[in-house]
PDB file of N, CA and C in Angstrom:
ATOM      1  N   MET A   1      94.490  21.021 180.132  1.00  0.00           N
ATOM      2  CA  MET A   1      93.332  20.160 180.009  1.00  0.00           C
ATOM      3  C   MET A   1      92.689  20.028 181.384  1.00  0.00           C
ATOM      4  N   PRO A   2      91.400  20.342 181.501  1.00  0.00           N
ATOM      5  CA  PRO A   2      90.757  20.286 182.810  1.00  0.00           C
ATOM      6  C   PRO A   2      90.587  18.867 183.295  1.00  0.00           C
ATOM      7  N   ASP A   3      90.493  18.726 184.604  1.00  0.00           N
ATOM      8  CA  ASP A   3      90.196  17.424 185.199  1.00  0.00           C
ATOM      9  C   ASP A   3      88.715  17.186 184.971  1.00  0.00           C
ATOM     10  N   ARG A   4      88.382  16.222 184.173  1.00  0.00           N
ATOM     11  CA  ARG A   4      86.974  15.938 183.928  1.00  0.00           C
ATOM     12  C   ARG A   4      86.688  14.496 184.183  1.00  0.00           C
ATOM     13  N   ASN A   5      86.829  14.088 185.313  1.00  0.00           N
ATOM     14  CA  ASN A   5      85.926  13.539 186.271  1.00  0.00           C
ATOM     15  C   ASN A   5      85.843  14.721 187.202  1.00  0.00           C
ATOM     16  N   ASP A   6      84.943  15.620 186.924  1.00  0.00           N
ATOM     17  CA  ASP A   6      84.897  16.922 187.586  1.00  0.00           C
ATOM     18  C   ASP A   6      84.993  16.865 189.093  1.00  0.00           C
ATOM     19  N   ASN A   7      84.548  15.799 189.686  1.00  0.00           N
ATOM     20  CA  ASN A   7      84.522  15.753 191.143  1.00  0.00           C
ATOM     21  C   ASN A   7      85.692  14.993 191.745  1.00  0.00           C
ATOM     22  N   ASP A   8      86.668  14.588 190.931  1.00  0.00           N
ATOM     23  CA  ASP A   8      87.849  13.910 191.460  1.00  0.00           C
ATOM     24  C   ASP A   8      88.828  14.913 192.059  1.00  0.00           C
ATOM     25  N   ILE A   9      89.238  14.635 193.275  1.00  0.00           N
ATOM     26  CA  ILE A   9      90.346  15.382 193.871  1.00  0.00           C
ATOM     27  C   ILE A   9      91.382  14.362 194.327  1.00  0.00           C
ATOM     28  N   LEU A  10      92.602  14.838 194.504  1.00  0.00           N
ATOM     29  CA  LEU A  10      93.698  14.001 194.967  1.00  0.00           C
ATOM     30  C   LEU A  10      94.056  14.430 196.376  1.00  0.00           C
ATOM     31  N   THR A  11      94.199  13.455 197.255  1.00  0.00           N
ATOM     32  CA  THR A  11      94.714  13.716 198.593  1.00  0.00           C
ATOM     33  C   THR A  11      96.087  13.072 198.683  1.00  0.00           C
ATOM     34  N   VAL A  12      97.074  13.857 199.065  1.00  0.00           N
ATOM     35  CA  VAL A  12      98.436  13.364 199.280  1.00  0.00           C
ATOM     36  C   VAL A  12      98.732  13.495 200.762  1.00  0.00           C
ATOM     37  N   THR A  13      99.285  12.438 201.331  1.00  0.00           N
ATOM     38  CA  THR A  13      99.638  12.436 202.745  1.00  0.00           C
ATOM     39  C   THR A  13     101.146  12.323 202.884  1.00  0.00           C
ATOM     40  N   THR A  14     101.690  13.147 203.773  1.00  0.00           N
ATOM     41  CA  THR A  14     103.107  13.072 204.109  1.00  0.00           C
ATOM     42  C   THR A  14     103.260  13.383 205.591  1.00  0.00           C
ATOM     43  N   THR A  15     104.465  13.209 206.111  1.00  0.00           N
ATOM     44  CA  THR A  15     104.760  13.559 207.498  1.00  0.00           C
ATOM     45  C   THR A  15     106.059  14.349 207.555  1.00  0.00           C
ATOM     46  N   VAL A  16     106.174  15.181 208.579  1.00  0.00           N
ATOM     47  CA  VAL A  16     107.412  15.909 208.877  1.00  0.00           C
ATOM     48  C   VAL A  16     107.641  15.843 210.386  1.00  0.00           C
ATOM     49  N   ASP A  17     108.789  16.312 210.819  1.00  0.00           N
ATOM     50  CA  ASP A  17     109.190  16.114 212.211  1.00  0.00           C
ATOM     51  C   ASP A  17     108.756  17.198 213.194  1.00  0.00           C
ATOM     52  N   SER A  18     108.120  18.265 212.713  1.00  0.00           N
ATOM     53  CA  SER A  18     107.720  19.326 213.644  1.00  0.00           C
ATOM     54  C   SER A  18     106.533  20.109 213.099  1.00  0.00           C
ATOM     55  N   LEU A  19     105.812  20.753 214.010  1.00  0.00           N
ATOM     56  CA  LEU A  19     104.688  21.588 213.609  1.00  0.00           C
ATOM     57  C   LEU A  19     105.171  22.775 212.783  1.00  0.00           C
ATOM     58  N   ASN A  20     106.305  23.355 213.174  1.00  0.00           N
ATOM     59  CA  ASN A  20     106.842  24.480 212.395  1.00  0.00           C
ATOM     60  C   ASN A  20     107.202  24.050 210.979  1.00  0.00           C
ATOM     61  N   GLY A  21     107.821  22.886 210.832  1.00  0.00           N
ATOM     62  CA  GLY A  21     108.153  22.370 209.506  1.00  0.00           C
ATOM     63  C   GLY A  21     106.907  22.087 208.689  1.00  0.00           C
ATOM     64  N   ALA A  22     105.877  21.553 209.346  1.00  0.00           N
ATOM     65  CA  ALA A  22     104.613  21.277 208.663  1.00  0.00           C
ATOM     66  C   ALA A  22     103.962  22.573 208.194  1.00  0.00           C
ATOM     67  N   ARG A  23     103.984  23.580 209.040  1.00  0.00           N
ATOM     68  CA  ARG A  23     103.404  24.882 208.666  1.00  0.00           C
ATOM     69  C   ARG A  23     104.142  25.493 207.468  1.00  0.00           C
ATOM     70  N   ARG A  24     105.462  25.414 207.478  1.00  0.00           N
ATOM     71  CA  ARG A  24     106.251  25.968 206.360  1.00  0.00           C
ATOM     72  C   ARG A  24     105.898  25.266 205.055  1.00  0.00           C
ATOM     73  N   LEU A  25     105.873  23.935 205.082  1.00  0.00           N
ATOM     74  CA  LEU A  25     105.582  23.176 203.875  1.00  0.00           C
ATOM     75  C   LEU A  25     104.146  23.439 203.412  1.00  0.00           C
ATOM     76  N   ALA A  26     103.194  23.435 204.325  1.00  0.00           N
ATOM     77  CA  ALA A  26     101.788  23.670 203.975  1.00  0.00           C
ATOM     78  C   ALA A  26     101.609  25.045 203.340  1.00  0.00           C
ATOM     79  N   ARG A  27     102.185  26.047 203.957  1.00  0.00           N
ATOM     80  CA  ARG A  27     102.064  27.418 203.446  1.00  0.00           C
ATOM     81  C   ARG A  27     102.640  27.518 202.031  1.00  0.00           C
ATOM     82  N   GLU A  28     103.793  26.910 201.814  1.00  0.00           N
ATOM     83  CA  GLU A  28     104.447  26.964 200.497  1.00  0.00           C
ATOM     84  C   GLU A  28     103.588  26.267 199.432  1.00  0.00           C
ATOM     85  N   LEU A  29     103.007  25.132 199.772  1.00  0.00           N
ATOM     86  CA  LEU A  29     102.174  24.403 198.805  1.00  0.00           C
ATOM     87  C   LEU A  29     100.939  25.207 198.414  1.00  0.00           C
ATOM     88  N   VAL A  30     100.323  25.869 199.396  1.00  0.00           N
ATOM     89  CA  VAL A  30      99.145  26.680 199.102  1.00  0.00           C
ATOM     90  C   VAL A  30      99.549  27.949 198.346  1.00  0.00           C
ATOM     91  N   GLU A  31     100.638  28.586 198.745  1.00  0.00           N
ATOM     92  CA  GLU A  31     101.090  29.789 198.032  1.00  0.00           C
ATOM     93  C   GLU A  31     101.446  29.497 196.584  1.00  0.00           C
ATOM     94  N   ARG A  32     102.022  28.336 196.317  1.00  0.00           N
ATOM     95  CA  ARG A  32     102.377  27.959 194.941  1.00  0.00           C
ATOM     96  C   ARG A  32     101.179  27.428 194.162  1.00  0.00           C
ATOM     97  N   ARG A  33     100.039  27.354 194.828  1.00  0.00           N
ATOM     98  CA  ARG A  33      98.792  26.847 194.240  1.00  0.00           C
ATOM     99  C   ARG A  33      98.903  25.400 193.773  1.00  0.00           C
ATOM    100  N   LEU A  34      99.742  24.643 194.481  1.00  0.00           N
ATOM    101  CA  LEU A  34      99.809  23.203 194.265  1.00  0.00           C
ATOM    102  C   LEU A  34      98.796  22.479 195.142  1.00  0.00           C
ATOM    103  N   ALA A  35      98.243  23.180 196.107  1.00  0.00           N
ATOM    104  CA  ALA A  35      97.242  22.617 197.005  1.00  0.00           C
ATOM    105  C   ALA A  35      96.186  23.665 197.297  1.00  0.00           C
ATOM    106  N   ALA A  36      94.949  23.214 197.400  1.00  0.00           N
ATOM    107  CA  ALA A  36      93.864  24.107 197.808  1.00  0.00           C
ATOM    108  C   ALA A  36      93.812  24.211 199.327  1.00  0.00           C
ATOM    109  N   CYS A  37      94.192  23.127 199.995  1.00  0.00           N
ATOM    110  CA  CYS A  37      94.082  23.043 201.444  1.00  0.00           C
ATOM    111  C   CYS A  37      95.105  22.035 201.945  1.00  0.00           C
ATOM    112  N   VAL A  38      95.700  22.331 203.088  1.00  0.00           N
ATOM    113  CA  VAL A  38      96.584  21.371 203.753  1.00  0.00           C
ATOM    114  C   VAL A  38      96.188  21.346 205.227  1.00  0.00           C
ATOM    115  N   GLN A  39      95.855  20.169 205.707  1.00  0.00           N
ATOM    116  CA  GLN A  39      95.484  20.006 207.107  1.00  0.00           C
ATOM    117  C   GLN A  39      96.642  19.348 207.851  1.00  0.00           C
ATOM    118  N   LEU A  40      96.865  19.795 209.080  1.00  0.00           N
ATOM    119  CA  LEU A  40      97.960  19.298 209.909  1.00  0.00           C
ATOM    120  C   LEU A  40      97.402  18.543 211.107  1.00  0.00           C
ATOM    121  N   GLU A  41      98.009  17.391 211.389  1.00  0.00           N
ATOM    122  CA  GLU A  41      97.607  16.572 212.537  1.00  0.00           C
ATOM    123  C   GLU A  41      98.847  16.097 213.271  1.00  0.00           C
ATOM    124  N   PRO A  42      99.019  16.488 214.534  1.00  0.00           N
ATOM    125  CA  PRO A  42     100.138  15.957 215.313  1.00  0.00           C
ATOM    126  C   PRO A  42      99.976  14.455 215.549  1.00  0.00           C
ATOM    127  N   ILE A  43     101.084  13.741 215.498  1.00  0.00           N
ATOM    128  CA  ILE A  43     101.127  12.304 215.771  1.00  0.00           C
ATOM    129  C   ILE A  43     102.026  12.120 216.987  1.00  0.00           C
ATOM    130  N   ALA A  44     101.540  11.449 217.999  1.00  0.00           N
ATOM    131  CA  ALA A  44     102.321  11.270 219.227  1.00  0.00           C
ATOM    132  C   ALA A  44     103.625  10.529 218.962  1.00  0.00           C
ATOM    133  N   ALA A  45     103.572   9.490 218.119  1.00  0.00           N
ATOM    134  CA  ALA A  45     104.790   8.736 217.827  1.00  0.00           C
ATOM    135  C   ALA A  45     104.621   7.970 216.527  1.00  0.00           C
ATOM    136  N   SER A  46     105.683   7.951 215.763  1.00  0.00           N
ATOM    137  CA  SER A  46     105.791   7.084 214.594  1.00  0.00           C
ATOM    138  C   SER A  46     106.921   6.103 214.878  1.00  0.00           C
ATOM    139  N   PHE A  47     106.686   4.843 214.609  1.00  0.00           N
ATOM    140  CA  PHE A  47     107.690   3.798 214.783  1.00  0.00           C
ATOM    141  C   PHE A  47     108.091   3.317 213.402  1.00  0.00           C
ATOM    142  N   TYR A  48     109.381   3.253 213.150  1.00  0.00           N
ATOM    143  CA  TYR A  48     109.863   2.820 211.838  1.00  0.00           C
ATOM    144  C   TYR A  48     111.329   2.415 211.947  1.00  0.00           C
ATOM    145  N   ARG A  49     111.792   1.715 210.950  1.00  0.00           N
ATOM    146  CA  ARG A  49     113.198   1.347 210.879  1.00  0.00           C
ATOM    147  C   ARG A  49     113.843   2.228 209.813  1.00  0.00           C
ATOM    148  N   TRP A  50     114.937   2.878 210.170  1.00  0.00           N
ATOM    149  CA  TRP A  50     115.656   3.734 209.238  1.00  0.00           C
ATOM    150  C   TRP A  50     117.150   3.462 209.393  1.00  0.00           C
ATOM    151  N   GLU A  51     117.782   3.152 208.288  1.00  0.00           N
ATOM    152  CA  GLU A  51     119.215   2.845 208.275  1.00  0.00           C
ATOM    153  C   GLU A  51     119.552   1.797 209.337  1.00  0.00           C
ATOM    154  N   ASP A  52     118.730   0.746 209.349  1.00  0.00           N
ATOM    155  CA  ASP A  52     118.904  -0.418 210.217  1.00  0.00           C
ATOM    156  C   ASP A  52     118.775  -0.106 211.707  1.00  0.00           C
ATOM    157  N   ARG A  53     118.072   0.951 212.030  1.00  0.00           N
ATOM    158  CA  ARG A  53     117.874   1.341 213.425  1.00  0.00           C
ATOM    159  C   ARG A  53     116.381   1.536 213.667  1.00  0.00           C
ATOM    160  N   LEU A  54     115.869   1.010 214.776  1.00  0.00           N
ATOM    161  CA  LEU A  54     114.476   1.219 215.148  1.00  0.00           C
ATOM    162  C   LEU A  54     114.321   2.628 215.710  1.00  0.00           C
ATOM    163  N   CYS A  55     113.369   3.373 215.156  1.00  0.00           N
ATOM    164  CA  CYS A  55     113.153   4.767 215.555  1.00  0.00           C
ATOM    165  C   CYS A  55     111.746   4.941 216.118  1.00  0.00           C
ATOM    166  N   GLU A  56     111.625   5.861 217.034  1.00  0.00           N
ATOM    167  CA  GLU A  56     110.335   6.299 217.575  1.00  0.00           C
ATOM    168  C   GLU A  56     110.414   7.811 217.703  1.00  0.00           C
ATOM    169  N   GLU A  57     109.618   8.506 216.897  1.00  0.00           N
ATOM    170  CA  GLU A  57     109.680   9.964 216.861  1.00  0.00           C
ATOM    171  C   GLU A  57     108.276  10.556 216.750  1.00  0.00           C
ATOM    172  N   PRO A  58     108.041  11.724 217.345  1.00  0.00           N
ATOM    173  CA  PRO A  58     106.785  12.428 217.071  1.00  0.00           C
ATOM    174  C   PRO A  58     106.848  13.002 215.650  1.00  0.00           C
ATOM    175  N   GLU A  59     105.711  13.078 215.002  1.00  0.00           N
ATOM    176  CA  GLU A  59     105.646  13.667 213.664  1.00  0.00           C
ATOM    177  C   GLU A  59     104.352  14.462 213.523  1.00  0.00           C
ATOM    178  N   VAL A  60     104.248  15.159 212.413  1.00  0.00           N
ATOM    179  CA  VAL A  60     103.023  15.862 212.045  1.00  0.00           C
ATOM    180  C   VAL A  60     102.617  15.369 210.676  1.00  0.00           C
ATOM    181  N   ARG A  61     101.352  14.939 210.549  1.00  0.00           N
ATOM    182  CA  ARG A  61     100.828  14.459 209.273  1.00  0.00           C
ATOM    183  C   ARG A  61     100.208  15.630 208.517  1.00  0.00           C
ATOM    184  N   LEU A  62     100.535  15.733 207.235  1.00  0.00           N
ATOM    185  CA  LEU A  62      99.925  16.715 206.355  1.00  0.00           C
ATOM    186  C   LEU A  62      99.001  15.982 205.398  1.00  0.00           C
ATOM    187  N   SER A  63      97.778  16.449 205.289  1.00  0.00           N
ATOM    188  CA  SER A  63      96.805  15.924 204.347  1.00  0.00           C
ATOM    189  C   SER A  63      96.568  17.033 203.319  1.00  0.00           C
ATOM    190  N   ILE A  64      97.040  16.810 202.108  1.00  0.00           N
ATOM    191  CA  ILE A  64      97.100  17.834 201.069  1.00  0.00           C
ATOM    192  C   ILE A  64      95.995  17.575 200.054  1.00  0.00           C
ATOM    193  N   LYS A  65      95.126  18.562 199.822  1.00  0.00           N
ATOM    194  CA  LYS A  65      94.033  18.435 198.856  1.00  0.00           C
ATOM    195  C   LYS A  65      94.423  19.181 197.585  1.00  0.00           C
ATOM    196  N   THR A  66      94.400  18.465 196.457  1.00  0.00           N
ATOM    197  CA  THR A  66      94.803  19.031 195.181  1.00  0.00           C
ATOM    198  C   THR A  66      94.048  18.325 194.062  1.00  0.00           C
ATOM    199  N   LEU A  67      94.518  18.471 192.838  1.00  0.00           N
ATOM    200  CA  LEU A  67      93.920  17.814 191.677  1.00  0.00           C
ATOM    201  C   LEU A  67      94.839  16.713 191.170  1.00  0.00           C
ATOM    202  N   PRO A  68      94.274  15.658 190.602  1.00  0.00           N
ATOM    203  CA  PRO A  68      95.110  14.570 190.090  1.00  0.00           C
ATOM    204  C   PRO A  68      96.189  15.029 189.112  1.00  0.00           C
ATOM    205  N   ARG A  69      95.918  16.024 188.297  1.00  0.00           N
ATOM    206  CA  ARG A  69      96.909  16.481 187.308  1.00  0.00           C
ATOM    207  C   ARG A  69      98.123  17.165 187.941  1.00  0.00           C
ATOM    208  N   LEU A  70      98.033  17.501 189.220  1.00  0.00           N
ATOM    209  CA  LEU A  70      99.141  18.189 189.893  1.00  0.00           C
ATOM    210  C   LEU A  70     100.029  17.236 190.696  1.00  0.00           C
ATOM    211  N   ARG A  71      99.773  15.944 190.598  1.00  0.00           N
ATOM    212  CA  ARG A  71     100.545  14.961 191.364  1.00  0.00           C
ATOM    213  C   ARG A  71     102.047  15.087 191.094  1.00  0.00           C
ATOM    214  N   ASP A  72     102.458  15.123 189.834  1.00  0.00           N
ATOM    215  CA  ASP A  72     103.887  15.185 189.508  1.00  0.00           C
ATOM    216  C   ASP A  72     104.516  16.505 189.957  1.00  0.00           C
ATOM    217  N   ALA A  73     103.780  17.607 189.804  1.00  0.00           N
ATOM    218  CA  ALA A  73     104.294  18.905 190.253  1.00  0.00           C
ATOM    219  C   ALA A  73     104.464  18.927 191.769  1.00  0.00           C
ATOM    220  N   LEU A  74     103.539  18.297 192.464  1.00  0.00           N
ATOM    221  CA  LEU A  74     103.639  18.208 193.925  1.00  0.00           C
ATOM    222  C   LEU A  74     104.837  17.353 194.332  1.00  0.00           C
ATOM    223  N   ALA A  75     105.038  16.246 193.640  1.00  0.00           N
ATOM    224  CA  ALA A  75     106.199  15.391 193.924  1.00  0.00           C
ATOM    225  C   ALA A  75     107.497  16.146 193.684  1.00  0.00           C
ATOM    226  N   ALA A  76     107.562  16.945 192.630  1.00  0.00           N
ATOM    227  CA  ALA A  76     108.761  17.754 192.351  1.00  0.00           C
ATOM    228  C   ALA A  76     108.980  18.784 193.452  1.00  0.00           C
ATOM    229  N   CYS A  77     107.907  19.352 193.951  1.00  0.00           N
ATOM    230  CA  CYS A  77     108.011  20.320 195.045  1.00  0.00           C
ATOM    231  C   CYS A  77     108.513  19.641 196.314  1.00  0.00           C
ATOM    232  N   PHE A  78     108.074  18.413 196.561  1.00  0.00           N
ATOM    233  CA  PHE A  78     108.592  17.660 197.704  1.00  0.00           C
ATOM    234  C   PHE A  78     110.104  17.487 197.567  1.00  0.00           C
ATOM    235  N   ALA A  79     110.569  17.155 196.366  1.00  0.00           N
ATOM    236  CA  ALA A  79     112.008  16.960 196.152  1.00  0.00           C
ATOM    237  C   ALA A  79     112.774  18.235 196.480  1.00  0.00           C
ATOM    238  N   GLU A  80     112.166  19.365 196.246  1.00  0.00           N
ATOM    239  CA  GLU A  80     112.808  20.658 196.519  1.00  0.00           C
ATOM    240  C   GLU A  80     112.709  21.071 197.985  1.00  0.00           C
ATOM    241  N   LEU A  81     111.541  20.877 198.610  1.00  0.00           N
ATOM    242  CA  LEU A  81     111.261  21.505 199.904  1.00  0.00           C
ATOM    243  C   LEU A  81     111.115  20.569 201.100  1.00  0.00           C
ATOM    244  N   HIS A  82     110.805  19.307 200.869  1.00  0.00           N
ATOM    245  CA  HIS A  82     110.498  18.432 202.002  1.00  0.00           C
ATOM    246  C   HIS A  82     111.749  18.218 202.851  1.00  0.00           C
ATOM    247  N   PRO A  83     111.607  18.270 204.185  1.00  0.00           N
ATOM    248  CA  PRO A  83     112.785  18.143 205.050  1.00  0.00           C
ATOM    249  C   PRO A  83     113.355  16.724 205.150  1.00  0.00           C
ATOM    250  N   TYR A  84     112.622  15.710 204.715  1.00  0.00           N
ATOM    251  CA  TYR A  84     113.097  14.332 204.823  1.00  0.00           C
ATOM    252  C   TYR A  84     113.829  13.910 203.555  1.00  0.00           C
ATOM    253  N   ALA A  85     114.851  13.083 203.714  1.00  0.00           N
ATOM    254  CA  ALA A  85     115.576  12.528 202.572  1.00  0.00           C
ATOM    255  C   ALA A  85     114.671  11.607 201.752  1.00  0.00           C
ATOM    256  N   LEU A  86     113.781  10.905 202.423  1.00  0.00           N
ATOM    257  CA  LEU A  86     112.831  10.009 201.758  1.00  0.00           C
ATOM    258  C   LEU A  86     111.430  10.319 202.287  1.00  0.00           C
ATOM    259  N   PRO A  87     110.772  11.337 201.711  1.00  0.00           N
ATOM    260  CA  PRO A  87     109.465  11.721 202.243  1.00  0.00           C
ATOM    261  C   PRO A  87     108.378  10.715 201.892  1.00  0.00           C
ATOM    262  N   GLN A  88     107.469  10.548 202.822  1.00  0.00           N
ATOM    263  CA  GLN A  88     106.253   9.777 202.540  1.00  0.00           C
ATOM    264  C   GLN A  88     105.456  10.551 201.498  1.00  0.00           C
ATOM    265  N   PHE A  89     105.017   9.863 200.459  1.00  0.00           N
ATOM    266  CA  PHE A  89     104.156  10.463 199.432  1.00  0.00           C
ATOM    267  C   PHE A  89     103.109   9.420 199.088  1.00  0.00           C
ATOM    268  N   LEU A  90     102.002   9.472 199.795  1.00  0.00           N
ATOM    269  CA  LEU A  90     100.893   8.547 199.571  1.00  0.00           C
ATOM    270  C   LEU A  90      99.761   9.342 198.955  1.00  0.00           C
ATOM    271  N   SER A  91      99.264   8.883 197.808  1.00  0.00           N
ATOM    272  CA  SER A  91      98.192   9.632 197.159  1.00  0.00           C
ATOM    273  C   SER A  91      97.007   8.726 196.877  1.00  0.00           C
ATOM    274  N   ALA A  92      95.825   9.328 196.924  1.00  0.00           N
ATOM    275  CA  ALA A  92      94.589   8.623 196.622  1.00  0.00           C
ATOM    276  C   ALA A  92      93.625   9.606 195.977  1.00  0.00           C
ATOM    277  N   THR A  93      92.932   9.127 194.978  1.00  0.00           N
ATOM    278  CA  THR A  93      91.909   9.937 194.333  1.00  0.00           C
ATOM    279  C   THR A  93      90.584   9.698 195.043  1.00  0.00           C
ATOM    280  N   HIS A  94      89.873  10.791 195.294  1.00  0.00           N
ATOM    281  CA  HIS A  94      88.592  10.726 195.996  1.00  0.00           C
ATOM    282  C   HIS A  94      87.520  11.419 195.173  1.00  0.00           C
ATOM    283  N   GLN A  95      86.325  10.931 195.288  1.00  0.00           N
ATOM    284  CA  GLN A  95      85.163  11.571 194.675  1.00  0.00           C
ATOM    285  C   GLN A  95      84.634  12.586 195.680  1.00  0.00           C
ATOM    286  N   ALA A  96      84.733  13.864 195.348  1.00  0.00           N
ATOM    287  CA  ALA A  96      84.292  14.935 196.244  1.00  0.00           C
ATOM    288  C   ALA A  96      82.906  15.420 195.834  1.00  0.00           C
ATOM    289  N   SER A  97      82.306  16.190 196.696  1.00  0.00           N
ATOM    290  CA  SER A  97      81.066  16.858 196.306  1.00  0.00           C
ATOM    291  C   SER A  97      81.398  17.835 195.178  1.00  0.00           C
ATOM    292  N   ALA A  98      80.422  18.142 194.367  1.00  0.00           N
ATOM    293  CA  ALA A  98      80.643  19.058 193.239  1.00  0.00           C
ATOM    294  C   ALA A  98      81.145  20.414 193.738  1.00  0.00           C
ATOM    295  N   ALA A  99      80.558  20.914 194.800  1.00  0.00           N
ATOM    296  CA  ALA A  99      80.946  22.232 195.315  1.00  0.00           C
ATOM    297  C   ALA A  99      82.395  22.232 195.825  1.00  0.00           C
ATOM    298  N   TYR A 100      82.779  21.181 196.537  1.00  0.00           N
ATOM    299  CA  TYR A 100      84.150  21.112 197.051  1.00  0.00           C
ATOM    300  C   TYR A 100      85.146  20.960 195.905  1.00  0.00           C
ATOM    301  N   ALA A 101      84.837  20.112 194.940  1.00  0.00           N
ATOM    302  CA  ALA A 101      85.725  19.927 193.794  1.00  0.00           C
ATOM    303  C   ALA A 101      85.872  21.235 193.010  1.00  0.00           C
ATOM    304  N   ASP A 102      84.785  21.981 192.849  1.00  0.00           N
ATOM    305  CA  ASP A 102      84.860  23.287 192.173  1.00  0.00           C
ATOM    306  C   ASP A 102      85.791  24.223 192.930  1.00  0.00           C
ATOM    307  N   TRP A 103      85.693  24.215 194.258  1.00  0.00           N
ATOM    308  CA  TRP A 103      86.551  25.079 195.073  1.00  0.00           C
ATOM    309  C   TRP A 103      88.020  24.688 194.917  1.00  0.00           C
ATOM    310  N   VAL A 104      88.317  23.393 194.973  1.00  0.00           N
ATOM    311  CA  VAL A 104      89.701  22.929 194.811  1.00  0.00           C
ATOM    312  C   VAL A 104      90.226  23.373 193.443  1.00  0.00           C
ATOM    313  N   ARG A 105      89.450  23.152 192.388  1.00  0.00           N
ATOM    314  CA  ARG A 105      89.872  23.570 191.041  1.00  0.00           C
ATOM    315  C   ARG A 105      90.149  25.065 190.981  1.00  0.00           C
ATOM    316  N   ALA A 106      89.275  25.861 191.580  1.00  0.00           N
ATOM    317  CA  ALA A 106      89.456  27.310 191.557  1.00  0.00           C
ATOM    318  C   ALA A 106      90.717  27.728 192.315  1.00  0.00           C
ATOM    319  N   GLU A 107      91.033  27.068 193.413  1.00  0.00           N
ATOM    320  CA  GLU A 107      92.197  27.438 194.219  1.00  0.00           C
ATOM    321  C   GLU A 107      93.513  27.095 193.556  1.00  0.00           C
ATOM    322  N   VAL A 108      93.547  26.060 192.740  1.00  0.00           N
ATOM    323  CA  VAL A 108      94.800  25.688 192.078  1.00  0.00           C
ATOM    324  C   VAL A 108      94.850  26.164 190.628  1.00  0.00           C
ATOM    325  N   ALA A 109      93.785  26.799 190.144  1.00  0.00           N
ATOM    326  CA  ALA A 109      93.679  27.203 188.735  1.00  0.00           C
ATOM    327  C   ALA A 109      94.809  28.149 188.310  1.00  0.00           C
ATOM    328  N   ALA A 110      95.229  29.036 189.164  1.00  0.00           N
ATOM    329  CA  ALA A 110      96.257  30.004 188.811  1.00  0.00           C
ATOM    330  C   ALA A 110      97.614  29.355 188.641  1.00  0.00           C
ATOM    331  N   GLU A 111      97.726  28.092 189.064  1.00  0.00           N
ATOM    332  CA  GLU A 111      98.996  27.359 188.934  1.00  0.00           C
ATOM    333  C   GLU A 111      99.358  27.200 187.481  1.00  0.00           C
ATOM    334  N   GLY A 112      98.369  27.037 186.601  1.00  0.00           N
ATOM    335  CA  GLY A 112      98.627  27.028 185.181  1.00  0.00           C
ATOM    336  C   GLY A 112      99.038  25.706 184.587  1.00  0.00           C
ATOM    337  N   ALA A 113      99.084  24.628 185.378  1.00  0.00           N
ATOM    338  CA  ALA A 113      99.486  23.330 184.816  1.00  0.00           C
ATOM    339  C   ALA A 113      98.371  22.737 183.989  1.00  0.00           C
TER     340      ALA A 113
END
């Protein structure tokens, strides 16, 4: 069933601990046609508490462009491939331009979901 709010796309944001790890995950998501585009942004430091310890680590943010119907498939792929035990998975639906939404749909169309 096609996504018909035709111009809706889903952006999923996650982080990993290295540029190489981010590149591996991004490449796999695009190759599997779960994402049309993945953008990488280095983060100087992330501060968080993990297992009762205050942490400060550099990370890389991935901004993943896909379709709303692929959210669950993307989450399953994270369970398989993401390097973190508890990966960040933040998603938001955005209204894209018609041309951009058409491109995203075409890039993930071969996925078959």
